[in-house]
Amino acid sequence: MLLSVFFILVLLLVGFFYWSGRTAIVVLNETGCGLDVLSVNLNGLECSFRNALFGWQGVLLLRADGSLGVAEMPR
């Protein structure tokens, strides 16, 4: 009895990790292309991203008034 309960719990854990491993977040830019890398710095409200397909790296600055600034990152 105890072994069957343990087996069921193991199956539930494996199922949960399989399901959660399939979950993905895709960040899209205004052209609808997915961004490969996205990092956020909450203290400075700076968001940097990189698209490996095109080799472009940029910084998105979120200002307090709600406006956005975009600049290419130096290589």
Protein backbone atom coordinates (compact mmCIF):
# COMPACT_ATOMS: atom_id res chain seq x y z
CA MET A 1 0.00 0.00 0.00
CA LEU A 2 2.72 2.46 0.98
CA LEU A 3 4.71 1.59 -2.13
CA SER A 4 1.74 2.28 -4.42
CA VAL A 5 1.15 5.70 -2.79
CA PHE A 6 4.84 6.53 -3.26
CA PHE A 7 4.66 5.44 -6.91
CA ILE A 8 1.60 7.65 -7.53
CA LEU A 9 3.33 10.65 -5.94
CA VAL A 10 6.41 10.09 -8.10
CA LEU A 11 4.22 9.93 -11.22
CA LEU A 12 2.48 13.17 -10.21
CA LEU A 13 5.82 14.91 -9.67
CA VAL A 14 7.17 13.70 -13.01
CA GLY A 15 3.99 14.87 -14.74
CA PHE A 16 4.18 18.27 -13.06
CA PHE A 17 7.82 18.82 -14.02
CA TYR A 18 7.11 17.69 -17.59
CA TRP A 19 4.19 20.12 -17.85
CA SER A 20 6.04 23.03 -16.26
CA GLY A 21 9.08 22.43 -18.46
CA ARG A 22 6.95 22.93 -21.55
CA THR A 23 5.83 26.38 -20.44
CA ALA A 24 7.67 29.16 -22.27
CA ILE A 25 7.44 32.92 -22.34
CA VAL A 26 8.10 34.53 -25.70
CA VAL A 27 8.79 38.26 -25.79
CA LEU A 28 7.84 39.86 -29.09
CA ASN A 29 8.92 43.21 -30.46
CA GLU A 30 6.70 45.49 -32.52
CA THR A 31 7.44 43.57 -35.73
CA GLY A 32 6.26 40.31 -34.15
CA CYS A 33 9.72 38.71 -33.98
CA GLY A 34 10.65 36.87 -30.82
CA LEU A 35 13.53 38.10 -28.69
CA ASP A 36 16.04 35.46 -27.62
CA VAL A 37 17.40 37.22 -24.53
CA LEU A 38 15.64 39.66 -22.23
CA SER A 39 17.10 40.97 -18.99
CA VAL A 40 15.46 43.51 -16.71
CA ASN A 41 17.12 45.79 -14.16
CA LEU A 42 14.33 47.07 -11.91
CA ASN A 43 16.42 49.61 -10.00
CA GLY A 44 17.27 51.63 -13.10
CA LEU A 45 14.16 50.50 -15.00
CA GLU A 46 16.41 49.37 -17.84
CA CYS A 47 15.50 46.47 -20.07
CA SER A 48 18.16 45.00 -22.38
CA PHE A 49 17.52 42.43 -25.07
CA ARG A 50 19.37 40.60 -27.83
CA ASN A 51 18.18 38.95 -31.02
CA ALA A 52 20.76 36.35 -32.03
CA LEU A 53 19.18 35.78 -35.44
CA PHE A 54 19.95 39.30 -36.65
CA GLY A 55 22.84 40.01 -34.26
CA TRP A 56 21.15 43.14 -32.86
CA GLN A 57 21.50 44.13 -29.22
CA GLY A 58 19.61 47.00 -27.66
CA VAL A 59 18.58 48.74 -24.49
CA LEU A 60 15.01 49.80 -23.80
CA LEU A 61 14.75 52.55 -21.18
CA LEU A 62 11.39 52.92 -19.41
CA ARG A 63 11.09 56.49 -18.13
CA ALA A 64 8.95 57.66 -15.20
CA ASP A 65 6.63 59.64 -17.49
CA GLY A 66 5.80 56.47 -19.43
CA SER A 67 7.91 57.21 -22.50
CA LEU A 68 10.35 54.71 -23.96
CA GLY A 69 13.87 55.12 -25.29
CA VAL A 70 15.70 52.60 -27.47
CA ALA A 71 19.45 52.52 -28.13
CA GLU A 72 21.83 49.98 -29.62
CA MET A 73 24.23 48.41 -27.14
CA PRO A 74 27.92 48.98 -27.84
CA ARG A 75 29.76 45.82 -28.91
